[in-house]
Amino acid sequence: MARTLEQERAAIEEDARRLEERRQKLADKEREQMIQAVEKSGLLKLAPKRLDELVGKIRKLGIEEVEKRLAA
């Protein structure tokens, strides 16, 4: 335990910095997993124009609507 208030404040700031680093590493891992899922799906094998059109349609409809239509 820190002896003074300033030391305690510094310790808390250091803990916050470490926590933010952990959050960033987790976000990076999640992003990498999402990229791998897209690669496995074969979407990256599409021609760039075709992929762009597909993504545009998904944006226009919204994720929920696309999922609903695919489930039907």
Protein backbone atom coordinates (compact mmCIF):
# COMPACT_ATOMS: atom_id res chain seq x y z
CA MET A 1 0.00 0.00 0.00
CA ALA A 2 1.27 3.43 -0.83
CA ARG A 3 2.43 5.67 2.00
CA THR A 4 1.15 8.99 0.75
CA LEU A 5 -1.81 10.17 -1.23
CA GLU A 6 0.43 11.08 -4.16
CA GLN A 7 1.93 7.60 -4.20
CA GLU A 8 -1.54 6.10 -4.05
CA ARG A 9 -2.67 8.34 -6.92
CA ALA A 10 0.38 7.32 -8.96
CA ALA A 11 -0.30 3.63 -8.27
CA ILE A 12 -3.91 4.02 -9.40
CA GLU A 13 -2.81 5.79 -12.58
CA GLU A 14 -0.35 2.99 -13.32
CA ASP A 15 -3.08 0.39 -12.79
CA ALA A 16 -5.36 2.32 -15.13
CA ARG A 17 -2.64 2.47 -17.77
CA ARG A 18 -2.05 -1.29 -17.52
CA LEU A 19 -5.77 -1.97 -17.73
CA GLU A 20 -6.06 0.17 -20.86
CA GLU A 21 -3.15 -1.76 -22.42
CA ARG A 22 -4.92 -5.05 -21.65
CA ARG A 23 -8.13 -3.74 -23.19
CA GLN A 24 -6.26 -2.71 -26.33
CA LYS A 25 -4.58 -6.12 -26.63
CA LEU A 26 -7.96 -7.81 -26.25
CA ALA A 27 -9.48 -5.57 -28.91
CA ASP A 28 -6.58 -6.41 -31.24
CA LYS A 29 -7.09 -10.15 -30.66
CA GLU A 30 -10.83 -9.84 -31.31
CA ARG A 31 -10.18 -7.92 -34.53
CA GLU A 32 -7.70 -10.57 -35.68
CA GLN A 33 -10.27 -13.31 -35.00
CA MET A 34 -12.88 -11.42 -37.03
CA ILE A 35 -10.45 -11.03 -39.93
CA GLN A 36 -9.67 -14.75 -39.81
CA ALA A 37 -13.41 -15.55 -39.86
CA VAL A 38 -13.86 -13.38 -42.96
CA GLU A 39 -10.87 -15.06 -44.61
CA LYS A 40 -12.28 -18.51 -43.86
CA SER A 41 -15.67 -17.53 -45.27
CA GLY A 42 -14.13 -16.96 -48.69
CA LEU A 43 -15.32 -13.35 -48.93
CA LEU A 44 -11.80 -12.12 -49.52
CA LYS A 45 -11.63 -14.25 -52.65
CA LEU A 46 -14.32 -12.11 -54.28
CA ALA A 47 -13.34 -9.45 -56.75
CA PRO A 48 -12.92 -6.12 -54.95
CA LYS A 49 -15.84 -4.52 -56.78
CA ARG A 50 -18.13 -7.43 -55.97
CA LEU A 51 -17.12 -7.42 -52.31
CA ASP A 52 -17.68 -3.66 -52.14
CA GLU A 53 -21.16 -4.07 -53.62
CA LEU A 54 -22.00 -6.85 -51.16
CA VAL A 55 -20.83 -4.80 -48.19
CA GLY A 56 -22.83 -1.84 -49.48
CA LYS A 57 -25.98 -3.96 -49.63
CA ILE A 58 -25.38 -5.19 -46.09
CA ARG A 59 -24.93 -1.61 -44.87
CA LYS A 60 -28.10 -0.53 -46.67
CA LEU A 61 -30.23 -3.33 -45.25
CA GLY A 62 -28.61 -3.48 -41.82
CA ILE A 63 -27.13 -6.50 -40.10
CA GLU A 64 -30.41 -7.53 -38.44
CA GLU A 65 -32.30 -7.55 -41.75
CA VAL A 66 -29.54 -9.52 -43.51
CA GLU A 67 -29.52 -12.11 -40.70
CA LYS A 68 -33.31 -12.33 -40.86
CA ARG A 69 -33.29 -12.89 -44.61
CA LEU A 70 -30.52 -15.48 -44.44
CA ALA A 71 -32.33 -17.38 -41.70
CA ALA A 72 -35.55 -17.57 -43.75
